[in-house]
C-alpha atoms as a PDB file:
ATOM      1  CA  MET A   1     -27.817 168.292 -66.329  1.00  0.00           C
ATOM      2  CA  SER A   2     -27.513 170.382 -69.498  1.00  0.00           C
ATOM      3  CA  ASN A   3     -27.252 174.142 -69.184  1.00  0.00           C
ATOM      4  CA  TYR A   4     -30.361 176.021 -70.364  1.00  0.00           C
ATOM      5  CA  ARG A   5     -31.204 179.697 -70.803  1.00  0.00           C
ATOM      6  CA  PHE A   6     -33.899 181.656 -72.540  1.00  0.00           C
ATOM      7  CA  ASP A   7     -33.332 181.960 -76.288  1.00  0.00           C
ATOM      8  CA  HIS A   8     -36.333 183.524 -78.037  1.00  0.00           C
ATOM      9  CA  VAL A   9     -40.071 184.011 -78.309  1.00  0.00           C
ATOM     10  CA  HIS A  10     -41.601 182.694 -81.535  1.00  0.00           C
ATOM     11  CA  LEU A  11     -44.926 184.115 -82.618  1.00  0.00           C
ATOM     12  CA  ASN A  12     -47.176 183.080 -85.498  1.00  0.00           C
ATOM     13  CA  SER A  13     -48.857 185.795 -87.541  1.00  0.00           C
ATOM     14  CA  PRO A  14     -50.775 185.925 -90.811  1.00  0.00           C
ATOM     15  CA  ASP A  15     -48.735 189.088 -91.575  1.00  0.00           C
ATOM     16  CA  PRO A  16     -45.292 188.814 -89.892  1.00  0.00           C
ATOM     17  CA  LEU A  17     -44.082 192.141 -91.301  1.00  0.00           C
ATOM     18  CA  LYS A  18     -47.067 194.016 -89.861  1.00  0.00           C
ATOM     19  CA  THR A  19     -46.722 192.260 -86.509  1.00  0.00           C
ATOM     20  CA  ALA A  20     -42.994 193.055 -86.438  1.00  0.00           C
ATOM     21  CA  GLN A  21     -43.844 196.723 -86.981  1.00  0.00           C
ATOM     22  CA  PHE A  22     -45.881 196.643 -83.749  1.00  0.00           C
ATOM     23  CA  TYR A  23     -42.863 195.526 -81.699  1.00  0.00           C
ATOM     24  CA  GLU A  24     -40.594 197.991 -83.507  1.00  0.00           C
ATOM     25  CA  THR A  25     -42.942 200.927 -82.934  1.00  0.00           C
ATOM     26  CA  MET A  26     -44.068 200.132 -79.399  1.00  0.00           C
ATOM     27  CA  PHE A  27     -40.789 198.920 -77.870  1.00  0.00           C
ATOM     28  CA  GLY A  28     -37.982 199.984 -80.177  1.00  0.00           C
ATOM     29  CA  ALA A  29     -37.201 196.428 -81.306  1.00  0.00           C
ATOM     30  CA  ARG A  30     -34.657 196.330 -84.129  1.00  0.00           C
ATOM     31  CA  ARG A  31     -35.295 194.250 -87.227  1.00  0.00           C
ATOM     32  CA  VAL A  32     -32.333 191.905 -87.680  1.00  0.00           C
ATOM     33  CA  THR A  33     -33.557 190.266 -90.868  1.00  0.00           C
ATOM     34  CA  SER A  34     -36.647 189.136 -92.715  1.00  0.00           C
ATOM     35  CA  ARG A  35     -37.071 186.710 -95.579  1.00  0.00           C
ATOM     36  CA  GLN A  36     -39.582 184.763 -97.584  1.00  0.00           C
ATOM     37  CA  VAL A  37     -40.018 181.094 -96.683  1.00  0.00           C
ATOM     38  CA  PRO A  38     -42.321 178.438 -98.138  1.00  0.00           C
ATOM     39  CA  GLY A  39     -45.849 179.510 -97.241  1.00  0.00           C
ATOM     40  CA  GLY A  40     -45.035 183.050 -96.114  1.00  0.00           C
ATOM     41  CA  SER A  41     -42.316 185.051 -94.401  1.00  0.00           C
ATOM     42  CA  VAL A  42     -40.311 185.196 -91.195  1.00  0.00           C
ATOM     43  CA  VAL A  43     -38.900 188.206 -89.318  1.00  0.00           C
ATOM     44  CA  TRP A  44     -36.179 188.228 -86.662  1.00  0.00           C
ATOM     45  CA  LEU A  45     -36.210 191.103 -84.162  1.00  0.00           C
ATOM     46  CA  ASP A  46     -33.796 192.085 -81.406  1.00  0.00           C
ATOM     47  CA  LEU A  47     -35.337 193.670 -78.307  1.00  0.00           C
ATOM     48  CA  ASN A  48     -32.380 194.738 -76.174  1.00  0.00           C
ATOM     49  CA  GLY A  49     -30.639 191.390 -76.647  1.00  0.00           C
ATOM     50  CA  GLN A  50     -33.759 189.203 -76.658  1.00  0.00           C
ATOM     51  CA  LYS A  51     -34.793 187.495 -79.885  1.00  0.00           C
ATOM     52  CA  ILE A  52     -38.351 187.618 -81.180  1.00  0.00           C
ATOM     53  CA  ILE A  53     -39.100 185.498 -84.246  1.00  0.00           C
ATOM     54  CA  ILE A  54     -42.360 186.134 -86.096  1.00  0.00           C
ATOM     55  CA  GLY A  55     -43.408 183.753 -88.838  1.00  0.00           C
ATOM     56  CA  THR A  56     -46.311 182.652 -90.952  1.00  0.00           C
ATOM     57  CA  PRO A  57     -48.076 179.640 -89.394  1.00  0.00           C
ATOM     58  CA  VAL A  58     -46.953 176.376 -90.975  1.00  0.00           C
ATOM     59  CA  GLY A  59     -47.815 172.757 -90.418  1.00  0.00           C
ATOM     60  CA  SER A  60     -50.843 170.568 -90.644  1.00  0.00           C
ATOM     61  CA  PRO A  61     -52.975 170.818 -88.649  1.00  0.00           C
ATOM     62  CA  PRO A  62     -52.216 174.401 -87.518  1.00  0.00           C
ATOM     63  CA  LEU A  63     -51.262 174.912 -83.894  1.00  0.00           C
ATOM     64  CA  THR A  64     -53.997 176.118 -81.530  1.00  0.00           C
ATOM     65  CA  PRO A  65     -54.052 179.928 -81.457  1.00  0.00           C
ATOM     66  CA  ALA A  66     -53.089 181.676 -78.234  1.00  0.00           C
ATOM     67  CA  ALA A  67     -56.577 183.192 -77.993  1.00  0.00           C
ATOM     68  CA  VAL A  68     -58.134 179.764 -77.330  1.00  0.00           C
ATOM     69  CA  GLN A  69     -58.355 179.078 -73.583  1.00  0.00           C
ATOM     70  CA  PRO A  70     -57.527 176.901 -71.833  1.00  0.00           C
ATOM     71  CA  GLN A  71     -54.379 176.200 -73.777  1.00  0.00           C
ATOM     72  CA  ASP A  72     -51.057 174.477 -73.627  1.00  0.00           C
ATOM     73  CA  GLY A  73     -47.920 176.263 -74.740  1.00  0.00           C
ATOM     74  CA  LEU A  74     -47.283 179.978 -74.549  1.00  0.00           C
ATOM     75  CA  ILE A  75     -49.622 181.774 -72.159  1.00  0.00           C
ATOM     76  CA  HIS A  76     -47.758 185.086 -72.235  1.00  0.00           C
ATOM     77  CA  PHE A  77     -44.292 186.542 -72.347  1.00  0.00           C
ATOM     78  CA  ALA A  78     -42.977 189.303 -70.129  1.00  0.00           C
ATOM     79  CA  LEU A  79     -41.023 192.470 -70.786  1.00  0.00           C
ATOM     80  CA  ARG A  80     -39.258 194.197 -67.901  1.00  0.00           C
ATOM     81  CA  THR A  81     -39.246 197.986 -67.629  1.00  0.00           C
ATOM     82  CA  ASP A  82     -37.717 200.388 -65.126  1.00  0.00           C
ATOM     83  CA  ASN A  83     -40.840 202.600 -64.998  1.00  0.00           C
ATOM     84  CA  LEU A  84     -44.069 200.658 -65.425  1.00  0.00           C
ATOM     85  CA  GLU A  85     -46.377 203.628 -64.932  1.00  0.00           C
ATOM     86  CA  LYS A  86     -44.616 205.606 -67.671  1.00  0.00           C
ATOM     87  CA  ALA A  87     -44.561 202.581 -70.018  1.00  0.00           C
ATOM     88  CA  VAL A  88     -48.300 201.937 -69.571  1.00  0.00           C
ATOM     89  CA  THR A  89     -49.084 205.613 -70.192  1.00  0.00           C
ATOM     90  CA  GLU A  90     -46.939 205.687 -73.348  1.00  0.00           C
ATOM     91  CA  LEU A  91     -48.417 202.475 -74.730  1.00  0.00           C
ATOM     92  CA  LYS A  92     -51.991 203.547 -74.040  1.00  0.00           C
ATOM     93  CA  ALA A  93     -51.269 206.776 -75.916  1.00  0.00           C
ATOM     94  CA  LYS A  94     -50.178 204.608 -78.863  1.00  0.00           C
ATOM     95  CA  GLY A  95     -53.457 202.673 -78.761  1.00  0.00           C
ATOM     96  CA  VAL A  96     -52.449 199.520 -76.885  1.00  0.00           C
ATOM     97  CA  THR A  97     -55.331 197.763 -75.091  1.00  0.00           C
ATOM     98  CA  PHE A  98     -54.566 196.720 -71.516  1.00  0.00           C
ATOM     99  CA  VAL A  99     -56.472 193.826 -69.967  1.00  0.00           C
ATOM    100  CA  GLN A 100     -54.983 194.265 -66.467  1.00  0.00           C
ATOM    101  CA  GLU A 101     -53.991 197.604 -65.003  1.00  0.00           C
ATOM    102  CA  ILE A 102     -50.882 198.024 -62.848  1.00  0.00           C
ATOM    103  CA  THR A 103     -51.068 195.516 -60.014  1.00  0.00           C
ATOM    104  CA  PRO A 104     -48.602 194.764 -57.184  1.00  0.00           C
ATOM    105  CA  VAL A 105     -47.629 191.093 -56.834  1.00  0.00           C
ATOM    106  CA  THR A 106     -45.253 189.238 -54.545  1.00  0.00           C
ATOM    107  CA  ALA A 107     -42.754 187.077 -56.407  1.00  0.00           C
ATOM    108  CA  LEU A 108     -41.389 183.725 -55.213  1.00  0.00           C
ATOM    109  CA  ASN A 109     -38.442 185.531 -53.603  1.00  0.00           C
ATOM    110  CA  SER A 110     -40.915 187.629 -51.524  1.00  0.00           C
ATOM    111  CA  VAL A 111     -40.026 190.790 -53.457  1.00  0.00           C
ATOM    112  CA  THR A 112     -43.021 192.887 -54.425  1.00  0.00           C
ATOM    113  CA  ASN A 113     -43.069 194.029 -58.014  1.00  0.00           C
ATOM    114  CA  THR A 114     -45.748 195.524 -60.226  1.00  0.00           C
ATOM    115  CA  ILE A 115     -47.224 194.054 -63.381  1.00  0.00           C
ATOM    116  CA  SER A 116     -49.717 194.915 -66.085  1.00  0.00           C
ATOM    117  CA  TYR A 117     -50.975 192.949 -69.100  1.00  0.00           C
ATOM    118  CA  PHE A 118     -51.916 194.008 -72.621  1.00  0.00           C
ATOM    119  CA  VAL A 119     -52.940 192.266 -75.819  1.00  0.00           C
ATOM    120  CA  ALA A 120     -50.605 192.415 -78.826  1.00  0.00           C
ATOM    121  CA  PRO A 121     -51.479 191.410 -82.411  1.00  0.00           C
ATOM    122  CA  GLU A 122     -52.820 187.877 -82.904  1.00  0.00           C
ATOM    123  CA  ASN A 123     -54.146 187.979 -79.310  1.00  0.00           C
ATOM    124  CA  VAL A 124     -50.709 187.459 -77.753  1.00  0.00           C
ATOM    125  CA  LEU A 125     -50.817 188.328 -74.054  1.00  0.00           C
ATOM    126  CA  VAL A 126     -47.815 190.401 -72.929  1.00  0.00           C
ATOM    127  CA  GLU A 127     -46.904 191.143 -69.320  1.00  0.00           C
ATOM    128  CA  LEU A 128     -45.053 194.322 -68.431  1.00  0.00           C
ATOM    129  CA  GLN A 129     -43.244 194.214 -65.099  1.00  0.00           C
ATOM    130  CA  GLN A 130     -41.148 196.420 -62.865  1.00  0.00           C
ATOM    131  CA  TYR A 131     -39.014 194.972 -60.068  1.00  0.00           C
END
């Protein structure tokens, strides 16, 4: 079997530069590059070694937005933190809207961790977790 590993999260946005600013401000993501492409722009971010690509929606017909449920494709992506309570407090102070408060869950390996969910621009659901 081929070897696979996570590569990136790709988000669509009507304003990729504005959406990129959210991830830069809230999480300290670093802008690697941005450029104009046919139909809009695309931004590449680095979040502690993880790639986030944000582009203008292209194609015909457009893909179903993440806000439409039920959906196929990306349901959410997760960011790990070493202090979930502190992260939630900081993000709330910056105006982030949480849709699930801090909740303990038991993972497949029987380890209990805590999670919380918030909504990012373009109704992208993001999970914060602490192992």
